[in-house]
ModelCIF file with pLDDT and N, C-alpha, C, O atoms, coordinates in Angstrom:
data_MODEL
#
_entry.id   MODEL 
#
_entity.id                         1 
_entity.type                       polymer 
_entity.pdbx_number_of_molecules   1 
#
_entity_poly.entity_id                      1 
_entity_poly.type                           'polypeptide(L)' 
_entity_poly.nstd_linkage                   no 
_entity_poly.nstd_monomer                   no 
_entity_poly.pdbx_seq_one_letter_code       AVVESQNLRLRIIQAADAYKAFSLIKDPEVTRYLMWDSPKTINELRLA 
_entity_poly.pdbx_seq_one_letter_code_can   AVVESQNLRLRIIQAADAYKAFSLIKDPEVTRYLMWDSPKTINELRLA 
_entity_poly.pdbx_strand_id                 A 
#
loop_
_entity_poly_seq.entity_id 
_entity_poly_seq.num 
_entity_poly_seq.mon_id 
_entity_poly_seq.hetero 
1 1  ALA n 
1 2  VAL n 
1 3  VAL n 
1 4  GLU n 
1 5  SER n 
1 6  GLN n 
1 7  ASN n 
1 8  LEU n 
1 9  ARG n 
1 10 LEU n 
1 11 ARG n 
1 12 ILE n 
1 13 ILE n 
1 14 GLN n 
1 15 ALA n 
1 16 ALA n 
1 17 ASP n 
1 18 ALA n 
1 19 TYR n 
1 20 LYS n 
1 21 ALA n 
1 22 PHE n 
1 23 SER n 
1 24 LEU n 
1 25 ILE n 
1 26 LYS n 
1 27 ASP n 
1 28 PRO n 
1 29 GLU n 
1 30 VAL n 
1 31 THR n 
1 32 ARG n 
1 33 TYR n 
1 34 LEU n 
1 35 MET n 
1 36 TRP n 
1 37 ASP n 
1 38 SER n 
1 39 PRO n 
1 40 LYS n 
1 41 THR n 
1 42 ILE n 
1 43 ASN n 
1 44 GLU n 
1 45 LEU n 
1 46 ARG n 
1 47 LEU n 
1 48 ALA n 
#
_struct_asym.id          A 
_struct_asym.entity_id   1 
#
loop_
_ma_qa_metric.id 
_ma_qa_metric.mode 
_ma_qa_metric.name 
_ma_qa_metric.software_group_id 
_ma_qa_metric.type 
1 global pLDDT . pLDDT 
2 local  pLDDT . pLDDT 
#
_ma_qa_metric_global.metric_id      1 
_ma_qa_metric_global.metric_value   93.77 
_ma_qa_metric_global.model_id       1 
_ma_qa_metric_global.ordinal_id     1 
#
loop_
_ma_qa_metric_local.label_asym_id 
_ma_qa_metric_local.label_comp_id 
_ma_qa_metric_local.label_seq_id 
_ma_qa_metric_local.metric_id 
_ma_qa_metric_local.metric_value 
_ma_qa_metric_local.model_id 
_ma_qa_metric_local.ordinal_id 
A ALA 1  2 98.00 1 1  
A VAL 2  2 98.00 1 2  
A VAL 3  2 98.00 1 3  
A GLU 4  2 98.00 1 4  
A SER 5  2 97.00 1 5  
A GLN 6  2 95.00 1 6  
A ASN 7  2 96.00 1 7  
A LEU 8  2 98.00 1 8  
A ARG 9  2 98.00 1 9  
A LEU 10 2 98.00 1 10 
A ARG 11 2 98.00 1 11 
A ILE 12 2 98.00 1 12 
A ILE 13 2 98.00 1 13 
A GLN 14 2 98.00 1 14 
A ALA 15 2 98.00 1 15 
A ALA 16 2 97.00 1 16 
A ASP 17 2 98.00 1 17 
A ALA 18 2 97.00 1 18 
A TYR 19 2 96.00 1 19 
A LYS 20 2 96.00 1 20 
A ALA 21 2 97.00 1 21 
A PHE 22 2 96.00 1 22 
A SER 23 2 93.00 1 23 
A LEU 24 2 95.00 1 24 
A ILE 25 2 93.00 1 25 
A LYS 26 2 91.00 1 26 
A ASP 27 2 93.00 1 27 
A PRO 28 2 91.00 1 28 
A GLU 29 2 91.00 1 29 
A VAL 30 2 92.00 1 30 
A THR 31 2 89.00 1 31 
A ARG 32 2 88.00 1 32 
A TYR 33 2 87.00 1 33 
A LEU 34 2 86.00 1 34 
A MET 35 2 81.00 1 35 
A TRP 36 2 77.00 1 36 
A ASP 37 2 79.00 1 37 
A SER 38 2 83.00 1 38 
A PRO 39 2 90.00 1 39 
A LYS 40 2 91.00 1 40 
A THR 41 2 95.00 1 41 
A ILE 42 2 96.00 1 42 
A ASN 43 2 97.00 1 43 
A GLU 44 2 96.00 1 44 
A LEU 45 2 96.00 1 45 
A ARG 46 2 97.00 1 46 
A LEU 47 2 97.00 1 47 
A ALA 48 2 96.00 1 48 
#
loop_
_atom_site.group_PDB 
_atom_site.id 
_atom_site.type_symbol 
_atom_site.label_atom_id 
_atom_site.label_alt_id 
_atom_site.label_comp_id 
_atom_site.label_asym_id 
_atom_site.label_entity_id 
_atom_site.label_seq_id 
_atom_site.pdbx_PDB_ins_code 
_atom_site.Cartn_x 
_atom_site.Cartn_y 
_atom_site.Cartn_z 
_atom_site.occupancy 
_atom_site.B_iso_or_equiv 
_atom_site.pdbx_formal_charge 
_atom_site.auth_seq_id 
_atom_site.auth_comp_id 
_atom_site.auth_asym_id 
_atom_site.auth_atom_id 
_atom_site.pdbx_PDB_model_num 
ATOM 1   N N  . ALA A 1 1  ? 0.890  -0.849 0.219  1.00 98.00 ? 1  ALA A N  1 
ATOM 2   C CA . ALA A 1 1  ? 0.017  -0.001 -0.164 1.00 98.00 ? 1  ALA A CA 1 
ATOM 3   C C  . ALA A 1 1  ? 0.809  1.149  0.170  1.00 98.00 ? 1  ALA A C  1 
ATOM 4   O O  . ALA A 1 1  ? 1.583  1.169  1.127  1.00 98.00 ? 1  ALA A O  1 
ATOM 5   N N  . VAL A 1 2  ? 0.571  2.326  -0.797 1.00 98.00 ? 2  VAL A N  1 
ATOM 6   C CA . VAL A 1 2  ? 1.602  3.186  -1.337 1.00 98.00 ? 2  VAL A CA 1 
ATOM 7   C C  . VAL A 1 2  ? 1.226  4.023  -1.755 1.00 98.00 ? 2  VAL A C  1 
ATOM 8   O O  . VAL A 1 2  ? 1.296  4.080  -2.982 1.00 98.00 ? 2  VAL A O  1 
ATOM 9   N N  . VAL A 1 3  ? 0.642  5.107  -1.066 1.00 98.00 ? 3  VAL A N  1 
ATOM 10  C CA . VAL A 1 3  ? -0.555 6.162  -1.808 1.00 98.00 ? 3  VAL A CA 1 
ATOM 11  C C  . VAL A 1 3  ? 0.349  7.883  -1.834 1.00 98.00 ? 3  VAL A C  1 
ATOM 12  O O  . VAL A 1 3  ? 0.635  8.545  -0.836 1.00 98.00 ? 3  VAL A O  1 
ATOM 13  N N  . GLU A 1 4  ? 0.539  8.129  -2.816 1.00 98.00 ? 4  GLU A N  1 
ATOM 14  C CA . GLU A 1 4  ? 1.688  9.521  -3.019 1.00 98.00 ? 4  GLU A CA 1 
ATOM 15  C C  . GLU A 1 4  ? 0.849  10.716 -3.591 1.00 98.00 ? 4  GLU A C  1 
ATOM 16  O O  . GLU A 1 4  ? -0.232 10.584 -4.165 1.00 98.00 ? 4  GLU A O  1 
ATOM 17  N N  . SER A 1 5  ? 1.415  11.749 -3.386 1.00 97.00 ? 5  SER A N  1 
ATOM 18  C CA . SER A 1 5  ? 0.424  12.784 -3.786 1.00 97.00 ? 5  SER A CA 1 
ATOM 19  C C  . SER A 1 5  ? 2.339  13.658 -3.772 1.00 97.00 ? 5  SER A C  1 
ATOM 20  O O  . SER A 1 5  ? 3.253  13.176 -3.103 1.00 97.00 ? 5  SER A O  1 
ATOM 21  N N  . GLN A 1 6  ? 2.477  14.753 -4.530 1.00 95.00 ? 6  GLN A N  1 
ATOM 22  C CA . GLN A 1 6  ? 3.756  15.547 -5.577 1.00 95.00 ? 6  GLN A CA 1 
ATOM 23  C C  . GLN A 1 6  ? 4.532  16.024 -4.032 1.00 95.00 ? 6  GLN A C  1 
ATOM 24  O O  . GLN A 1 6  ? 5.639  16.556 -4.126 1.00 95.00 ? 6  GLN A O  1 
ATOM 25  N N  . ASN A 1 7  ? 3.869  15.802 -2.506 1.00 96.00 ? 7  ASN A N  1 
ATOM 26  C CA . ASN A 1 7  ? 4.943  16.228 -1.993 1.00 96.00 ? 7  ASN A CA 1 
ATOM 27  C C  . ASN A 1 7  ? 5.415  15.164 -0.795 1.00 96.00 ? 7  ASN A C  1 
ATOM 28  O O  . ASN A 1 7  ? 6.541  15.162 -0.296 1.00 96.00 ? 7  ASN A O  1 
ATOM 29  N N  . LEU A 1 8  ? 4.140  14.104 -0.370 1.00 98.00 ? 8  LEU A N  1 
ATOM 30  C CA . LEU A 1 8  ? 3.969  13.039 0.369  1.00 98.00 ? 8  LEU A CA 1 
ATOM 31  C C  . LEU A 1 8  ? 3.900  11.649 -0.095 1.00 98.00 ? 8  LEU A C  1 
ATOM 32  O O  . LEU A 1 8  ? 3.427  11.347 -1.191 1.00 98.00 ? 8  LEU A O  1 
ATOM 33  N N  . ARG A 1 9  ? 4.350  10.851 0.701  1.00 98.00 ? 9  ARG A N  1 
ATOM 34  C CA . ARG A 1 9  ? 4.041  9.383  0.346  1.00 98.00 ? 9  ARG A CA 1 
ATOM 35  C C  . ARG A 1 9  ? 3.440  8.536  1.763  1.00 98.00 ? 9  ARG A C  1 
ATOM 36  O O  . ARG A 1 9  ? 3.992  8.467  2.861  1.00 98.00 ? 9  ARG A O  1 
ATOM 37  N N  . LEU A 1 10 ? 2.879  8.276  1.582  1.00 98.00 ? 10 LEU A N  1 
ATOM 38  C CA . LEU A 1 10 ? 2.350  7.581  2.681  1.00 98.00 ? 10 LEU A CA 1 
ATOM 39  C C  . LEU A 1 10 ? 2.610  5.842  2.363  1.00 98.00 ? 10 LEU A C  1 
ATOM 40  O O  . LEU A 1 10 ? 2.497  5.617  1.158  1.00 98.00 ? 10 LEU A O  1 
ATOM 41  N N  . ARG A 1 11 ? 2.951  4.513  3.241  1.00 98.00 ? 11 ARG A N  1 
ATOM 42  C CA . ARG A 1 11 ? 3.974  3.427  2.639  1.00 98.00 ? 11 ARG A CA 1 
ATOM 43  C C  . ARG A 1 11 ? 3.573  2.684  4.134  1.00 98.00 ? 11 ARG A C  1 
ATOM 44  O O  . ARG A 1 11 ? 3.515  3.251  5.225  1.00 98.00 ? 11 ARG A O  1 
ATOM 45  N N  . ILE A 1 12 ? 3.399  1.716  3.937  1.00 98.00 ? 12 ILE A N  1 
ATOM 46  C CA . ILE A 1 12 ? 3.627  0.523  5.377  1.00 98.00 ? 12 ILE A CA 1 
ATOM 47  C C  . ILE A 1 12 ? 4.193  0.849  5.756  1.00 98.00 ? 12 ILE A C  1 
ATOM 48  O O  . ILE A 1 12 ? 4.994  1.579  5.173  1.00 98.00 ? 12 ILE A O  1 
ATOM 49  N N  . ILE A 1 13 ? 4.262  0.617  6.948  1.00 98.00 ? 13 ILE A N  1 
ATOM 50  C CA . ILE A 1 13 ? 5.456  1.555  7.878  1.00 98.00 ? 13 ILE A CA 1 
ATOM 51  C C  . ILE A 1 13 ? 6.105  -0.235 8.179  1.00 98.00 ? 13 ILE A C  1 
ATOM 52  O O  . ILE A 1 13 ? 5.588  -1.336 7.990  1.00 98.00 ? 13 ILE A O  1 
ATOM 53  N N  . GLN A 1 14 ? 7.129  0.099  8.590  1.00 98.00 ? 14 GLN A N  1 
ATOM 54  C CA . GLN A 1 14 ? 8.397  -1.861 8.534  1.00 98.00 ? 14 GLN A CA 1 
ATOM 55  C C  . GLN A 1 14 ? 9.188  -1.183 10.212 1.00 98.00 ? 14 GLN A C  1 
ATOM 56  O O  . GLN A 1 14 ? 9.142  -0.048 10.688 1.00 98.00 ? 14 GLN A O  1 
ATOM 57  N N  . ALA A 1 15 ? 9.817  -2.380 10.699 1.00 98.00 ? 15 ALA A N  1 
ATOM 58  C CA . ALA A 1 15 ? 10.282 -1.990 12.064 1.00 98.00 ? 15 ALA A CA 1 
ATOM 59  C C  . ALA A 1 15 ? 11.599 -1.138 11.866 1.00 98.00 ? 15 ALA A C  1 
ATOM 60  O O  . ALA A 1 15 ? 12.057 -0.593 12.870 1.00 98.00 ? 15 ALA A O  1 
ATOM 61  N N  . ALA A 1 16 ? 12.378 -0.945 10.410 1.00 97.00 ? 16 ALA A N  1 
ATOM 62  C CA . ALA A 1 16 ? 13.384 -0.089 10.216 1.00 97.00 ? 16 ALA A CA 1 
ATOM 63  C C  . ALA A 1 16 ? 13.705 1.783  10.791 1.00 97.00 ? 16 ALA A C  1 
ATOM 64  O O  . ALA A 1 16 ? 14.538 2.628  11.118 1.00 97.00 ? 16 ALA A O  1 
ATOM 65  N N  . ASP A 1 17 ? 11.789 1.350  10.482 1.00 98.00 ? 17 ASP A N  1 
ATOM 66  C CA . ASP A 1 17 ? 11.424 2.702  10.880 1.00 98.00 ? 17 ASP A CA 1 
ATOM 67  C C  . ASP A 1 17 ? 11.923 3.634  12.168 1.00 98.00 ? 17 ASP A C  1 
ATOM 68  O O  . ASP A 1 17 ? 12.411 4.754  12.317 1.00 98.00 ? 17 ASP A O  1 
ATOM 69  N N  . ALA A 1 18 ? 11.456 2.354  13.134 1.00 97.00 ? 18 ALA A N  1 
ATOM 70  C CA . ALA A 1 18 ? 11.692 2.841  14.405 1.00 97.00 ? 18 ALA A CA 1 
ATOM 71  C C  . ALA A 1 18 ? 12.669 3.994  14.873 1.00 97.00 ? 18 ALA A C  1 
ATOM 72  O O  . ALA A 1 18 ? 12.418 4.795  15.773 1.00 97.00 ? 18 ALA A O  1 
ATOM 73  N N  . TYR A 1 19 ? 13.827 3.946  14.113 1.00 96.00 ? 19 TYR A N  1 
ATOM 74  C CA . TYR A 1 19 ? 15.313 4.059  14.221 1.00 96.00 ? 19 TYR A CA 1 
ATOM 75  C C  . TYR A 1 19 ? 15.227 5.583  13.694 1.00 96.00 ? 19 TYR A C  1 
ATOM 76  O O  . TYR A 1 19 ? 16.223 6.299  13.798 1.00 96.00 ? 19 TYR A O  1 
ATOM 77  N N  . LYS A 1 20 ? 13.971 6.100  13.098 1.00 96.00 ? 20 LYS A N  1 
ATOM 78  C CA . LYS A 1 20 ? 14.001 7.331  12.976 1.00 96.00 ? 20 LYS A CA 1 
ATOM 79  C C  . LYS A 1 20 ? 13.051 8.241  13.352 1.00 96.00 ? 20 LYS A C  1 
ATOM 80  O O  . LYS A 1 20 ? 13.015 9.472  13.367 1.00 96.00 ? 20 LYS A O  1 
ATOM 81  N N  . ALA A 1 21 ? 12.109 7.166  13.725 1.00 97.00 ? 21 ALA A N  1 
ATOM 82  C CA . ALA A 1 21 ? 10.304 8.230  14.815 1.00 97.00 ? 21 ALA A CA 1 
ATOM 83  C C  . ALA A 1 21 ? 11.178 7.975  16.010 1.00 97.00 ? 21 ALA A C  1 
ATOM 84  O O  . ALA A 1 21 ? 10.651 8.504  16.989 1.00 97.00 ? 21 ALA A O  1 
ATOM 85  N N  . PHE A 1 22 ? 12.303 7.375  16.320 1.00 96.00 ? 22 PHE A N  1 
ATOM 86  C CA . PHE A 1 22 ? 12.121 7.361  17.648 1.00 96.00 ? 22 PHE A CA 1 
ATOM 87  C C  . PHE A 1 22 ? 12.317 8.843  18.985 1.00 96.00 ? 22 PHE A C  1 
ATOM 88  O O  . PHE A 1 22 ? 11.827 9.267  20.031 1.00 96.00 ? 22 PHE A O  1 
ATOM 89  N N  . SER A 1 23 ? 13.386 9.118  17.979 1.00 93.00 ? 23 SER A N  1 
ATOM 90  C CA . SER A 1 23 ? 14.193 10.942 18.412 1.00 93.00 ? 23 SER A CA 1 
ATOM 91  C C  . SER A 1 23 ? 12.648 11.646 18.757 1.00 93.00 ? 23 SER A C  1 
ATOM 92  O O  . SER A 1 23 ? 12.330 12.052 19.875 1.00 93.00 ? 23 SER A O  1 
ATOM 93  N N  . LEU A 1 24 ? 11.648 11.701 17.369 1.00 95.00 ? 24 LEU A N  1 
ATOM 94  C CA . LEU A 1 24 ? 10.731 12.522 16.968 1.00 95.00 ? 24 LEU A CA 1 
ATOM 95  C C  . LEU A 1 24 ? 9.756  12.570 18.075 1.00 95.00 ? 24 LEU A C  1 
ATOM 96  O O  . LEU A 1 24 ? 9.208  13.465 18.719 1.00 95.00 ? 24 LEU A O  1 
ATOM 97  N N  . ILE A 1 25 ? 9.741  11.351 18.059 1.00 93.00 ? 25 ILE A N  1 
ATOM 98  C CA . ILE A 1 25 ? 8.434  10.854 19.028 1.00 93.00 ? 25 ILE A CA 1 
ATOM 99  C C  . ILE A 1 25 ? 9.034  10.814 20.626 1.00 93.00 ? 25 ILE A C  1 
ATOM 100 O O  . ILE A 1 25 ? 8.552  10.037 21.451 1.00 93.00 ? 25 ILE A O  1 
ATOM 101 N N  . LYS A 1 26 ? 9.749  11.417 20.837 1.00 91.00 ? 26 LYS A N  1 
ATOM 102 C CA . LYS A 1 26 ? 10.384 11.213 22.348 1.00 91.00 ? 26 LYS A CA 1 
ATOM 103 C C  . LYS A 1 26 ? 9.850  12.665 23.222 1.00 91.00 ? 26 LYS A C  1 
ATOM 104 O O  . LYS A 1 26 ? 9.774  12.854 24.436 1.00 91.00 ? 26 LYS A O  1 
ATOM 105 N N  . ASP A 1 27 ? 9.474  13.722 21.877 1.00 93.00 ? 27 ASP A N  1 
ATOM 106 C CA . ASP A 1 27 ? 9.597  15.313 21.717 1.00 93.00 ? 27 ASP A CA 1 
ATOM 107 C C  . ASP A 1 27 ? 8.711  15.298 22.321 1.00 93.00 ? 27 ASP A C  1 
ATOM 108 O O  . ASP A 1 27 ? 7.631  14.921 21.866 1.00 93.00 ? 27 ASP A O  1 
ATOM 109 N N  . PRO A 1 28 ? 8.947  15.880 24.080 1.00 91.00 ? 28 PRO A N  1 
ATOM 110 C CA . PRO A 1 28 ? 6.873  16.298 24.588 1.00 91.00 ? 28 PRO A CA 1 
ATOM 111 C C  . PRO A 1 28 ? 5.742  17.510 23.788 1.00 91.00 ? 28 PRO A C  1 
ATOM 112 O O  . PRO A 1 28 ? 4.536  17.704 23.941 1.00 91.00 ? 28 PRO A O  1 
ATOM 113 N N  . GLU A 1 29 ? 6.652  18.091 23.006 1.00 91.00 ? 29 GLU A N  1 
ATOM 114 C CA . GLU A 1 29 ? 5.646  19.078 22.122 1.00 91.00 ? 29 GLU A CA 1 
ATOM 115 C C  . GLU A 1 29 ? 4.491  17.702 21.450 1.00 91.00 ? 29 GLU A C  1 
ATOM 116 O O  . GLU A 1 29 ? 3.293  17.626 21.720 1.00 91.00 ? 29 GLU A O  1 
ATOM 117 N N  . VAL A 1 30 ? 4.953  17.129 20.914 1.00 92.00 ? 30 VAL A N  1 
ATOM 118 C CA . VAL A 1 30 ? 4.227  15.626 20.511 1.00 92.00 ? 30 VAL A CA 1 
ATOM 119 C C  . VAL A 1 30 ? 3.561  14.586 21.247 1.00 92.00 ? 30 VAL A C  1 
ATOM 120 O O  . VAL A 1 30 ? 2.440  14.109 21.069 1.00 92.00 ? 30 VAL A O  1 
ATOM 121 N N  . THR A 1 31 ? 4.156  14.401 21.828 1.00 89.00 ? 31 THR A N  1 
ATOM 122 C CA . THR A 1 31 ? 3.186  13.277 22.800 1.00 89.00 ? 31 THR A CA 1 
ATOM 123 C C  . THR A 1 31 ? 2.329  14.257 24.244 1.00 89.00 ? 31 THR A C  1 
ATOM 124 O O  . THR A 1 31 ? 1.765  13.457 24.991 1.00 89.00 ? 31 THR A O  1 
ATOM 125 N N  . ARG A 1 32 ? 2.200  15.396 24.601 1.00 88.00 ? 32 ARG A N  1 
ATOM 126 C CA . ARG A 1 32 ? 1.261  16.119 24.888 1.00 88.00 ? 32 ARG A CA 1 
ATOM 127 C C  . ARG A 1 32 ? -0.144 15.997 24.303 1.00 88.00 ? 32 ARG A C  1 
ATOM 128 O O  . ARG A 1 32 ? -1.126 16.238 25.005 1.00 88.00 ? 32 ARG A O  1 
ATOM 129 N N  . TYR A 1 33 ? -0.246 15.649 23.105 1.00 87.00 ? 33 TYR A N  1 
ATOM 130 C CA . TYR A 1 33 ? -1.273 16.222 22.617 1.00 87.00 ? 33 TYR A CA 1 
ATOM 131 C C  . TYR A 1 33 ? -1.815 13.954 21.886 1.00 87.00 ? 33 TYR A C  1 
ATOM 132 O O  . TYR A 1 33 ? -2.634 13.406 21.149 1.00 87.00 ? 33 TYR A O  1 
ATOM 133 N N  . LEU A 1 34 ? -0.791 13.624 22.678 1.00 86.00 ? 34 LEU A N  1 
ATOM 134 C CA . LEU A 1 34 ? -1.226 11.341 22.309 1.00 86.00 ? 34 LEU A CA 1 
ATOM 135 C C  . LEU A 1 34 ? -1.857 11.144 23.726 1.00 86.00 ? 34 LEU A C  1 
ATOM 136 O O  . LEU A 1 34 ? -1.591 11.713 24.785 1.00 86.00 ? 34 LEU A O  1 
ATOM 137 N N  . MET A 1 35 ? -2.469 10.494 23.531 1.00 81.00 ? 35 MET A N  1 
ATOM 138 C CA . MET A 1 35 ? -3.880 9.776  24.585 1.00 81.00 ? 35 MET A CA 1 
ATOM 139 C C  . MET A 1 35 ? -2.761 8.434  24.732 1.00 81.00 ? 35 MET A C  1 
ATOM 140 O O  . MET A 1 35 ? -3.138 7.420  25.319 1.00 81.00 ? 35 MET A O  1 
ATOM 141 N N  . TRP A 1 36 ? -1.637 8.505  24.263 1.00 77.00 ? 36 TRP A N  1 
ATOM 142 C CA . TRP A 1 36 ? -0.381 6.973  24.896 1.00 77.00 ? 36 TRP A CA 1 
ATOM 143 C C  . TRP A 1 36 ? 0.966  7.187  25.288 1.00 77.00 ? 36 TRP A C  1 
ATOM 144 O O  . TRP A 1 36 ? 1.096  8.408  25.375 1.00 77.00 ? 36 TRP A O  1 
ATOM 145 N N  . ASP A 1 37 ? 1.919  6.682  25.538 1.00 79.00 ? 37 ASP A N  1 
ATOM 146 C CA . ASP A 1 37 ? 3.329  7.251  26.296 1.00 79.00 ? 37 ASP A CA 1 
ATOM 147 C C  . ASP A 1 37 ? 4.302  7.054  24.994 1.00 79.00 ? 37 ASP A C  1 
ATOM 148 O O  . ASP A 1 37 ? 4.293  5.870  24.660 1.00 79.00 ? 37 ASP A O  1 
ATOM 149 N N  . SER A 1 38 ? 4.954  7.683  24.344 1.00 83.00 ? 38 SER A N  1 
ATOM 150 C CA . SER A 1 38 ? 5.886  7.325  23.854 1.00 83.00 ? 38 SER A CA 1 
ATOM 151 C C  . SER A 1 38 ? 6.653  5.621  24.683 1.00 83.00 ? 38 SER A C  1 
ATOM 152 O O  . SER A 1 38 ? 6.276  4.974  25.660 1.00 83.00 ? 38 SER A O  1 
ATOM 153 N N  . PRO A 1 39 ? 7.740  5.434  23.780 1.00 90.00 ? 39 PRO A N  1 
ATOM 154 C CA . PRO A 1 39 ? 7.975  3.950  23.528 1.00 90.00 ? 39 PRO A CA 1 
ATOM 155 C C  . PRO A 1 39 ? 9.229  4.444  24.719 1.00 90.00 ? 39 PRO A C  1 
ATOM 156 O O  . PRO A 1 39 ? 9.401  5.660  24.803 1.00 90.00 ? 39 PRO A O  1 
ATOM 157 N N  . LYS A 1 40 ? 9.801  3.843  25.319 1.00 91.00 ? 40 LYS A N  1 
ATOM 158 C CA . LYS A 1 40 ? 10.951 3.673  26.602 1.00 91.00 ? 40 LYS A CA 1 
ATOM 159 C C  . LYS A 1 40 ? 12.183 3.628  25.939 1.00 91.00 ? 40 LYS A C  1 
ATOM 160 O O  . LYS A 1 40 ? 13.137 4.334  26.267 1.00 91.00 ? 40 LYS A O  1 
ATOM 161 N N  . THR A 1 41 ? 12.202 2.530  24.682 1.00 95.00 ? 41 THR A N  1 
ATOM 162 C CA . THR A 1 41 ? 13.400 2.194  23.983 1.00 95.00 ? 41 THR A CA 1 
ATOM 163 C C  . THR A 1 41 ? 13.246 1.944  22.537 1.00 95.00 ? 41 THR A C  1 
ATOM 164 O O  . THR A 1 41 ? 12.276 1.366  22.048 1.00 95.00 ? 41 THR A O  1 
ATOM 165 N N  . ILE A 1 42 ? 14.238 2.402  21.885 1.00 96.00 ? 42 ILE A N  1 
ATOM 166 C CA . ILE A 1 42 ? 14.022 2.212  20.271 1.00 96.00 ? 42 ILE A CA 1 
ATOM 167 C C  . ILE A 1 42 ? 13.567 0.390  19.806 1.00 96.00 ? 42 ILE A C  1 
ATOM 168 O O  . ILE A 1 42 ? 12.762 0.087  18.924 1.00 96.00 ? 42 ILE A O  1 
ATOM 169 N N  . ASN A 1 43 ? 14.328 -0.563 20.664 1.00 97.00 ? 43 ASN A N  1 
ATOM 170 C CA . ASN A 1 43 ? 13.297 -2.147 20.290 1.00 97.00 ? 43 ASN A CA 1 
ATOM 171 C C  . ASN A 1 43 ? 12.494 -1.959 20.548 1.00 97.00 ? 43 ASN A C  1 
ATOM 172 O O  . ASN A 1 43 ? 11.715 -2.493 19.759 1.00 97.00 ? 43 ASN A O  1 
ATOM 173 N N  . GLU A 1 44 ? 11.817 -1.260 21.549 1.00 96.00 ? 44 GLU A N  1 
ATOM 174 C CA . GLU A 1 44 ? 10.288 -1.404 21.573 1.00 96.00 ? 44 GLU A CA 1 
ATOM 175 C C  . GLU A 1 44 ? 9.384  -0.728 20.270 1.00 96.00 ? 44 GLU A C  1 
ATOM 176 O O  . GLU A 1 44 ? 8.625  -1.204 19.426 1.00 96.00 ? 44 GLU A O  1 
ATOM 177 N N  . LEU A 1 45 ? 9.737  0.217  20.486 1.00 96.00 ? 45 LEU A N  1 
ATOM 178 C CA . LEU A 1 45 ? 9.171  0.944  19.592 1.00 96.00 ? 45 LEU A CA 1 
ATOM 179 C C  . LEU A 1 45 ? 9.239  -0.040 17.669 1.00 96.00 ? 45 LEU A C  1 
ATOM 180 O O  . LEU A 1 45 ? 8.519  -0.202 16.683 1.00 96.00 ? 45 LEU A O  1 
ATOM 181 N N  . ARG A 1 46 ? 10.098 -0.272 17.986 1.00 97.00 ? 46 ARG A N  1 
ATOM 182 C CA . ARG A 1 46 ? 11.144 -1.423 16.305 1.00 97.00 ? 46 ARG A CA 1 
ATOM 183 C C  . ARG A 1 46 ? 10.023 -3.034 16.392 1.00 97.00 ? 46 ARG A C  1 
ATOM 184 O O  . ARG A 1 46 ? 9.689  -3.829 15.513 1.00 97.00 ? 46 ARG A O  1 
ATOM 185 N N  . LEU A 1 47 ? 9.797  -2.980 17.501 1.00 97.00 ? 47 LEU A N  1 
ATOM 186 C CA . LEU A 1 47 ? 9.102  -4.207 17.825 1.00 97.00 ? 47 LEU A CA 1 
ATOM 187 C C  . LEU A 1 47 ? 7.622  -4.452 17.936 1.00 97.00 ? 47 LEU A C  1 
ATOM 188 O O  . LEU A 1 47 ? 7.038  -5.525 18.086 1.00 97.00 ? 47 LEU A O  1 
ATOM 189 N N  . ALA A 1 48 ? 6.877  -2.573 17.773 1.00 96.00 ? 48 ALA A N  1 
ATOM 190 C CA . ALA A 1 48 ? 6.042  -2.290 17.510 1.00 96.00 ? 48 ALA A CA 1 
ATOM 191 C C  . ALA A 1 48 ? 5.207  -1.609 16.092 1.00 96.00 ? 48 ALA A C  1 
ATOM 192 O O  . ALA A 1 48 ? 4.004  -1.351 16.149 1.00 96.00 ? 48 ALA A O  1 
#
């Protein structure tokens, strides 16, 4: 499943995405609007 506009792409998430996502999702500015807490480790996010 890949859908793409001129600027953006949506694709199925993969375990390897955890390495980029971890630092982004640990930001309090992001998590304050989420109903779940950020993962404690990269491996936790990778498995998810």
